[in-house]
């Protein structure tokens, strides 16, 4: 049974989510009502997924997300942000801190259950993947979530790793920013495509030359990974 941690200071939202996830999703649910309590709960006993409010007392959701991604024990735990903020900048910030999905308030508990199921399915597919992607000197071990350029290990965030793996899987093909958002982030929101650009820029910096040049920008469209062979 998957464990879901809800970090939400509104008791009505926390209760309705808990009941729906337990009754319709069959999940075991735990709750925390403040930022520090939520962070402590996640780090002490890492859940299978975190539903994380942005506006929390003591520590906001962005900071919690950043700290969970920086902790090896929780770096891979899926995170869905809950927020009443609708600005593009706020949504992009959450994604760049490592969130896997975003739900804007008000929302229905039914929608939340559907999002939780979708994110967990995607995460389990990644866990089950046992493929090795190679384009020498670049090597990606999907199962171990490890990437190397020659003898140098790459320190990638979860989304950077997923983006690099998707580009390499689809080598030679032009991938639009929208498609990359959908396949890597699970998003299909046109206003957030610049988060792809940010991650590509960071990837190129971490790959270093000449491998960085294999990720080509297709002006006005998106990106293509061009094999070095």
C-alpha atoms as a PDB file:
ATOM      1  CA  UNK A   1       0.000   0.000   0.000  1.00  0.00           C
ATOM      2  CA  UNK A   2       1.462   3.353  -1.041  1.00  0.00           C
ATOM      3  CA  UNK A   3       1.955   5.983   1.649  1.00  0.00           C
ATOM      4  CA  UNK A   4       0.951   9.567   0.921  1.00  0.00           C
ATOM      5  CA  UNK A   5       2.112  12.489   3.057  1.00  0.00           C
ATOM      6  CA  UNK A   6      -0.142  15.563   2.922  1.00  0.00           C
ATOM      7  CA  UNK A   7       1.506  18.780   4.130  1.00  0.00           C
ATOM      8  CA  UNK A   8      -1.385  21.247   4.329  1.00  0.00           C
ATOM      9  CA  UNK A   9      -2.335  23.758   7.037  1.00  0.00           C
ATOM     10  CA  UNK A  10      -6.002  24.029   6.021  1.00  0.00           C
ATOM     11  CA  UNK A  11      -7.747  21.305   8.056  1.00  0.00           C
ATOM     12  CA  UNK A  12     -10.743  21.084   5.707  1.00  0.00           C
ATOM     13  CA  UNK A  13      -8.566  20.516   2.639  1.00  0.00           C
ATOM     14  CA  UNK A  14      -6.351  18.038   4.492  1.00  0.00           C
ATOM     15  CA  UNK A  15      -9.375  16.068   5.731  1.00  0.00           C
ATOM     16  CA  UNK A  16     -11.152  15.918   2.372  1.00  0.00           C
ATOM     17  CA  UNK A  17      -7.953  14.844   0.621  1.00  0.00           C
ATOM     18  CA  UNK A  18      -7.210  12.208   3.235  1.00  0.00           C
ATOM     19  CA  UNK A  19     -10.684  10.681   3.042  1.00  0.00           C
ATOM     20  CA  UNK A  20     -10.702  10.603  -0.765  1.00  0.00           C
ATOM     21  CA  UNK A  21      -7.204   9.137  -1.052  1.00  0.00           C
ATOM     22  CA  UNK A  22      -7.939   6.458   1.544  1.00  0.00           C
ATOM     23  CA  UNK A  23     -11.418   5.558   0.294  1.00  0.00           C
ATOM     24  CA  UNK A  24     -11.005   5.792  -3.476  1.00  0.00           C
ATOM     25  CA  UNK A  25      -7.273   5.383  -3.878  1.00  0.00           C
ATOM     26  CA  UNK A  26      -6.596   2.765  -1.241  1.00  0.00           C
ATOM     27  CA  UNK A  27      -3.609   4.738   0.041  1.00  0.00           C
ATOM     28  CA  UNK A  28      -2.306   5.083   3.568  1.00  0.00           C
ATOM     29  CA  UNK A  29      -2.328   8.796   4.387  1.00  0.00           C
ATOM     30  CA  UNK A  30      -0.393  10.858   6.915  1.00  0.00           C
ATOM     31  CA  UNK A  31      -0.732  14.601   7.445  1.00  0.00           C
ATOM     32  CA  UNK A  32       1.366  17.501   8.697  1.00  0.00           C
ATOM     33  CA  UNK A  33       0.147  21.057   9.251  1.00  0.00           C
ATOM     34  CA  UNK A  34       3.360  23.113   9.116  1.00  0.00           C
ATOM     35  CA  UNK A  35       6.448  23.322   6.973  1.00  0.00           C
ATOM     36  CA  UNK A  36       8.928  22.066   9.596  1.00  0.00           C
ATOM     37  CA  UNK A  37       6.588  19.218  10.631  1.00  0.00           C
ATOM     38  CA  UNK A  38       6.116  18.180   7.008  1.00  0.00           C
ATOM     39  CA  UNK A  39       9.842  18.208   6.274  1.00  0.00           C
ATOM     40  CA  UNK A  40      10.567  16.211   9.422  1.00  0.00           C
ATOM     41  CA  UNK A  41       7.888  13.638   8.607  1.00  0.00           C
ATOM     42  CA  UNK A  42       9.159  13.173   5.044  1.00  0.00           C
ATOM     43  CA  UNK A  43      12.787  12.821   6.075  1.00  0.00           C
ATOM     44  CA  UNK A  44      12.121  10.555   9.076  1.00  0.00           C
ATOM     45  CA  UNK A  45       9.970   8.090   7.140  1.00  0.00           C
ATOM     46  CA  UNK A  46      10.046   8.861   3.408  1.00  0.00           C
ATOM     47  CA  UNK A  47       6.587   8.404   1.856  1.00  0.00           C
ATOM     48  CA  UNK A  48       5.791   7.193  -1.647  1.00  0.00           C
ATOM     49  CA  UNK A  49       4.478  10.652  -2.594  1.00  0.00           C
ATOM     50  CA  UNK A  50       4.092  14.095  -1.012  1.00  0.00           C
ATOM     51  CA  UNK A  51       1.150  16.447  -1.554  1.00  0.00           C
ATOM     52  CA  UNK A  52       2.757  19.726  -0.571  1.00  0.00           C
ATOM     53  CA  UNK A  53       1.041  23.081  -0.030  1.00  0.00           C
ATOM     54  CA  UNK A  54       3.067  26.143  -1.039  1.00  0.00           C
ATOM     55  CA  UNK A  55       1.877  28.535   1.677  1.00  0.00           C
ATOM     56  CA  UNK A  56       2.738  26.898   4.997  1.00  0.00           C
ATOM     57  CA  UNK A  57       3.603  28.267   8.439  1.00  0.00           C
ATOM     58  CA  UNK A  58       7.243  28.001   9.432  1.00  0.00           C
ATOM     59  CA  UNK A  59       8.626  27.085   6.006  1.00  0.00           C
ATOM     60  CA  UNK A  60       7.072  27.382   2.574  1.00  0.00           C
ATOM     61  CA  UNK A  61       6.562  24.525   0.146  1.00  0.00           C
ATOM     62  CA  UNK A  62       9.302  25.688  -2.228  1.00  0.00           C
ATOM     63  CA  UNK A  63      11.922  25.422   0.507  1.00  0.00           C
ATOM     64  CA  UNK A  64      10.615  22.020   1.613  1.00  0.00           C
ATOM     65  CA  UNK A  65      10.754  20.806  -1.984  1.00  0.00           C
ATOM     66  CA  UNK A  66      14.322  22.059  -2.349  1.00  0.00           C
ATOM     67  CA  UNK A  67      15.434  20.340   0.851  1.00  0.00           C
ATOM     68  CA  UNK A  68      13.749  17.048  -0.041  1.00  0.00           C
ATOM     69  CA  UNK A  69      15.464  17.030  -3.431  1.00  0.00           C
ATOM     70  CA  UNK A  70      18.830  17.752  -1.769  1.00  0.00           C
ATOM     71  CA  UNK A  71      18.454  14.811   0.658  1.00  0.00           C
ATOM     72  CA  UNK A  72      19.521  11.462  -0.822  1.00  0.00           C
ATOM     73  CA  UNK A  73      16.796   9.657   1.144  1.00  0.00           C
ATOM     74  CA  UNK A  74      13.999  11.747  -0.387  1.00  0.00           C
ATOM     75  CA  UNK A  75      15.519  12.992  -3.660  1.00  0.00           C
ATOM     76  CA  UNK A  76      13.406  10.616  -5.765  1.00  0.00           C
ATOM     77  CA  UNK A  77      10.118  10.922  -3.826  1.00  0.00           C
ATOM     78  CA  UNK A  78       7.418  12.329  -6.160  1.00  0.00           C
ATOM     79  CA  UNK A  79       6.061  15.736  -5.077  1.00  0.00           C
ATOM     80  CA  UNK A  80       2.778  17.357  -6.129  1.00  0.00           C
ATOM     81  CA  UNK A  81       2.472  21.019  -5.157  1.00  0.00           C
ATOM     82  CA  UNK A  82      -0.833  22.461  -3.954  1.00  0.00           C
ATOM     83  CA  UNK A  83      -1.269  26.201  -4.314  1.00  0.00           C
ATOM     84  CA  UNK A  84      -3.718  29.043  -4.618  1.00  0.00           C
ATOM     85  CA  UNK A  85      -1.081  30.981  -6.593  1.00  0.00           C
ATOM     86  CA  UNK A  86      -1.803  31.151 -10.290  1.00  0.00           C
ATOM     87  CA  UNK A  87       1.167  33.179 -11.529  1.00  0.00           C
ATOM     88  CA  UNK A  88       3.293  31.422 -14.133  1.00  0.00           C
ATOM     89  CA  UNK A  89       6.443  32.368 -12.202  1.00  0.00           C
ATOM     90  CA  UNK A  90       5.211  30.497  -9.120  1.00  0.00           C
ATOM     91  CA  UNK A  91       4.355  27.375 -11.106  1.00  0.00           C
ATOM     92  CA  UNK A  92       7.699  27.447 -12.891  1.00  0.00           C
ATOM     93  CA  UNK A  93       9.485  27.927  -9.566  1.00  0.00           C
ATOM     94  CA  UNK A  94       7.864  24.797  -8.166  1.00  0.00           C
ATOM     95  CA  UNK A  95       8.887  22.745 -11.195  1.00  0.00           C
ATOM     96  CA  UNK A  96      12.431  24.046 -11.081  1.00  0.00           C
ATOM     97  CA  UNK A  97      12.719  23.117  -7.406  1.00  0.00           C
ATOM     98  CA  UNK A  98      11.846  19.561  -8.470  1.00  0.00           C
ATOM     99  CA  UNK A  99       8.065  19.227  -8.173  1.00  0.00           C
ATOM    100  CA  UNK A 100       6.508  16.543 -10.379  1.00  0.00           C
ATOM    101  CA  UNK A 101       3.073  18.104 -10.746  1.00  0.00           C
ATOM    102  CA  UNK A 102       1.052  21.135  -9.722  1.00  0.00           C
ATOM    103  CA  UNK A 103      -2.566  21.403  -8.587  1.00  0.00           C
ATOM    104  CA  UNK A 104      -4.110  24.871  -8.359  1.00  0.00           C
ATOM    105  CA  UNK A 105      -6.706  25.588  -5.676  1.00  0.00           C
ATOM    106  CA  UNK A 106      -9.622  25.263  -5.654  1.00  0.00           C
ATOM    107  CA  UNK A 107      -9.561  21.682  -6.879  1.00  0.00           C
ATOM    108  CA  UNK A 108     -11.711  18.610  -6.400  1.00  0.00           C
ATOM    109  CA  UNK A 109     -10.415  15.688  -4.308  1.00  0.00           C
ATOM    110  CA  UNK A 110     -11.282  13.477  -7.294  1.00  0.00           C
ATOM    111  CA  UNK A 111      -8.810  15.433  -9.436  1.00  0.00           C
ATOM    112  CA  UNK A 112      -6.143  15.087  -6.741  1.00  0.00           C
ATOM    113  CA  UNK A 113      -6.577  11.299  -6.643  1.00  0.00           C
ATOM    114  CA  UNK A 114      -6.243  11.141 -10.436  1.00  0.00           C
ATOM    115  CA  UNK A 115      -3.058  13.247 -10.339  1.00  0.00           C
ATOM    116  CA  UNK A 116      -1.593  11.079  -7.564  1.00  0.00           C
ATOM    117  CA  UNK A 117      -2.276   7.907  -9.548  1.00  0.00           C
ATOM    118  CA  UNK A 118      -0.742   9.390 -12.708  1.00  0.00           C
ATOM    119  CA  UNK A 119       2.435  10.560 -10.961  1.00  0.00           C
ATOM    120  CA  UNK A 120       2.880   7.231  -9.138  1.00  0.00           C
ATOM    121  CA  UNK A 121       2.398   5.308 -12.396  1.00  0.00           C
ATOM    122  CA  UNK A 122       5.033   7.413 -14.110  1.00  0.00           C
ATOM    123  CA  UNK A 123       7.414   7.028 -11.167  1.00  0.00           C
ATOM    124  CA  UNK A 124       6.989   3.249 -11.098  1.00  0.00           C
ATOM    125  CA  UNK A 125       7.657   3.001 -14.816  1.00  0.00           C
ATOM    126  CA  UNK A 126      10.926   4.829 -14.216  1.00  0.00           C
ATOM    127  CA  UNK A 127      11.798   2.506 -11.343  1.00  0.00           C
ATOM    128  CA  UNK A 128      11.049  -0.579 -13.426  1.00  0.00           C
ATOM    129  CA  UNK A 129      13.127   0.621 -16.351  1.00  0.00           C
ATOM    130  CA  UNK A 130      16.321  -1.376 -16.670  1.00  0.00           C
ATOM    131  CA  UNK A 131      17.678   0.179 -19.806  1.00  0.00           C
ATOM    132  CA  UNK A 132      21.148   1.528 -20.416  1.00  0.00           C
ATOM    133  CA  UNK A 133      21.447   4.468 -22.796  1.00  0.00           C
ATOM    134  CA  UNK A 134      24.854   4.986 -24.356  1.00  0.00           C
ATOM    135  CA  UNK A 135      26.280   7.521 -26.762  1.00  0.00           C
ATOM    136  CA  UNK A 136      29.978   7.397 -25.939  1.00  0.00           C
ATOM    137  CA  UNK A 137      31.365   8.943 -23.867  1.00  0.00           C
ATOM    138  CA  UNK A 138      27.893   9.603 -22.386  1.00  0.00           C
ATOM    139  CA  UNK A 139      26.420   6.665 -20.455  1.00  0.00           C
ATOM    140  CA  UNK A 140      23.067   6.559 -18.642  1.00  0.00           C
ATOM    141  CA  UNK A 141      21.980   3.739 -16.335  1.00  0.00           C
ATOM    142  CA  UNK A 142      18.241   4.339 -15.982  1.00  0.00           C
ATOM    143  CA  UNK A 143      17.684   1.721 -13.274  1.00  0.00           C
ATOM    144  CA  UNK A 144      20.472   3.148 -11.106  1.00  0.00           C
ATOM    145  CA  UNK A 145      19.590   6.715 -12.141  1.00  0.00           C
ATOM    146  CA  UNK A 146      23.246   7.366 -12.814  1.00  0.00           C
ATOM    147  CA  UNK A 147      24.873   9.255 -15.677  1.00  0.00           C
ATOM    148  CA  UNK A 148      28.515   9.581 -16.661  1.00  0.00           C
ATOM    149  CA  UNK A 149      30.621  11.284 -19.272  1.00  0.00           C
ATOM    150  CA  UNK A 150      33.627   9.016 -19.560  1.00  0.00           C
ATOM    151  CA  UNK A 151      34.928   8.521 -16.027  1.00  0.00           C
ATOM    152  CA  UNK A 152      33.144  11.629 -14.702  1.00  0.00           C
ATOM    153  CA  UNK A 153      29.888  11.172 -12.796  1.00  0.00           C
ATOM    154  CA  UNK A 154      27.203  13.760 -13.483  1.00  0.00           C
ATOM    155  CA  UNK A 155      25.436  15.283 -10.502  1.00  0.00           C
ATOM    156  CA  UNK A 156      21.967  15.729 -11.978  1.00  0.00           C
ATOM    157  CA  UNK A 157      18.669  16.643 -10.382  1.00  0.00           C
ATOM    158  CA  UNK A 158      15.826  14.215 -10.967  1.00  0.00           C
ATOM    159  CA  UNK A 159      14.306  16.306 -13.755  1.00  0.00           C
ATOM    160  CA  UNK A 160      17.673  16.935 -15.394  1.00  0.00           C
ATOM    161  CA  UNK A 161      18.261  13.181 -15.444  1.00  0.00           C
ATOM    162  CA  UNK A 162      14.786  12.449 -16.840  1.00  0.00           C
ATOM    163  CA  UNK A 163      15.185  15.126 -19.506  1.00  0.00           C
ATOM    164  CA  UNK A 164      18.591  13.841 -20.606  1.00  0.00           C
ATOM    165  CA  UNK A 165      17.296  10.250 -20.751  1.00  0.00           C
ATOM    166  CA  UNK A 166      14.281  11.295 -22.840  1.00  0.00           C
ATOM    167  CA  UNK A 167      16.428  13.262 -25.275  1.00  0.00           C
ATOM    168  CA  UNK A 168      18.812  10.326 -25.659  1.00  0.00           C
ATOM    169  CA  UNK A 169      15.984   7.814 -26.114  1.00  0.00           C
ATOM    170  CA  UNK A 170      14.581   9.986 -28.887  1.00  0.00           C
ATOM    171  CA  UNK A 171      17.966  10.821 -30.428  1.00  0.00           C
ATOM    172  CA  UNK A 172      17.742  12.348 -33.874  1.00  0.00           C
ATOM    173  CA  UNK A 173      14.143  13.461 -33.361  1.00  0.00           C
ATOM    174  CA  UNK A 174      13.054  17.044 -32.817  1.00  0.00           C
ATOM    175  CA  UNK A 175      11.104  17.242 -29.551  1.00  0.00           C
ATOM    176  CA  UNK A 176       8.944  20.276 -28.894  1.00  0.00           C
ATOM    177  CA  UNK A 177       9.056  21.966 -25.519  1.00  0.00           C
ATOM    178  CA  UNK A 178       5.404  20.999 -25.015  1.00  0.00           C
ATOM    179  CA  UNK A 179       6.160  17.335 -25.655  1.00  0.00           C
ATOM    180  CA  UNK A 180       9.095  17.415 -23.252  1.00  0.00           C
ATOM    181  CA  UNK A 181       6.927  19.019 -20.577  1.00  0.00           C
ATOM    182  CA  UNK A 182       4.342  16.292 -21.020  1.00  0.00           C
ATOM    183  CA  UNK A 183       6.770  13.354 -21.109  1.00  0.00           C
ATOM    184  CA  UNK A 184       9.203  14.524 -18.416  1.00  0.00           C
ATOM    185  CA  UNK A 185       7.112  16.737 -16.124  1.00  0.00           C
ATOM    186  CA  UNK A 186       3.665  15.338 -16.857  1.00  0.00           C
ATOM    187  CA  UNK A 187       2.570  18.838 -17.828  1.00  0.00           C
ATOM    188  CA  UNK A 188       0.799  20.216 -20.864  1.00  0.00           C
ATOM    189  CA  UNK A 189       0.705  23.898 -19.958  1.00  0.00           C
ATOM    190  CA  UNK A 190       1.990  26.112 -22.834  1.00  0.00           C
ATOM    191  CA  UNK A 191       2.854  28.976 -20.490  1.00  0.00           C
ATOM    192  CA  UNK A 192       5.517  26.943 -18.684  1.00  0.00           C
ATOM    193  CA  UNK A 193       7.736  25.868 -21.569  1.00  0.00           C
ATOM    194  CA  UNK A 194      10.616  28.060 -20.432  1.00  0.00           C
ATOM    195  CA  UNK A 195      11.324  25.594 -17.607  1.00  0.00           C
ATOM    196  CA  UNK A 196      12.539  23.223 -20.351  1.00  0.00           C
ATOM    197  CA  UNK A 197      15.001  25.876 -21.527  1.00  0.00           C
ATOM    198  CA  UNK A 198      16.305  26.328 -17.986  1.00  0.00           C
ATOM    199  CA  UNK A 199      16.890  22.596 -17.563  1.00  0.00           C
ATOM    200  CA  UNK A 200      18.546  22.244 -20.974  1.00  0.00           C
ATOM    201  CA  UNK A 201      20.913  25.097 -20.112  1.00  0.00           C
ATOM    202  CA  UNK A 202      21.861  23.412 -16.835  1.00  0.00           C
ATOM    203  CA  UNK A 203      22.295  20.061 -18.573  1.00  0.00           C
ATOM    204  CA  UNK A 204      24.690  21.530 -21.118  1.00  0.00           C
ATOM    205  CA  UNK A 205      26.741  23.096 -18.340  1.00  0.00           C
ATOM    206  CA  UNK A 206      26.993  19.792 -16.489  1.00  0.00           C
ATOM    207  CA  UNK A 207      27.709  17.711 -19.601  1.00  0.00           C
ATOM    208  CA  UNK A 208      30.536  19.983 -20.710  1.00  0.00           C
ATOM    209  CA  UNK A 209      32.147  20.051 -24.122  1.00  0.00           C
ATOM    210  CA  UNK A 210      31.978  18.504 -26.582  1.00  0.00           C
ATOM    211  CA  UNK A 211      28.997  16.433 -25.352  1.00  0.00           C
ATOM    212  CA  UNK A 212      26.983  19.555 -24.536  1.00  0.00           C
ATOM    213  CA  UNK A 213      26.823  20.374 -28.253  1.00  0.00           C
ATOM    214  CA  UNK A 214      24.861  17.175 -28.909  1.00  0.00           C
ATOM    215  CA  UNK A 215      21.737  18.819 -27.467  1.00  0.00           C
ATOM    216  CA  UNK A 216      20.767  21.055 -30.364  1.00  0.00           C
ATOM    217  CA  UNK A 217      18.325  23.931 -30.193  1.00  0.00           C
ATOM    218  CA  UNK A 218      15.813  23.827 -33.043  1.00  0.00           C
ATOM    219  CA  UNK A 219      14.795  27.470 -33.241  1.00  0.00           C
ATOM    220  CA  UNK A 220      11.088  28.056 -32.724  1.00  0.00           C
ATOM    221  CA  UNK A 221      10.406  24.368 -32.034  1.00  0.00           C
ATOM    222  CA  UNK A 222      12.393  22.669 -29.287  1.00  0.00           C
ATOM    223  CA  UNK A 223      15.418  20.412 -28.961  1.00  0.00           C
ATOM    224  CA  UNK A 224      17.098  17.432 -30.615  1.00  0.00           C
ATOM    225  CA  UNK A 225      19.802  15.137 -29.341  1.00  0.00           C
ATOM    226  CA  UNK A 226      22.314  14.513 -32.121  1.00  0.00           C
ATOM    227  CA  UNK A 227      24.414  11.387 -31.638  1.00  0.00           C
ATOM    228  CA  UNK A 228      28.157  11.877 -31.511  1.00  0.00           C
ATOM    229  CA  UNK A 229      28.776   8.650 -33.432  1.00  0.00           C
END
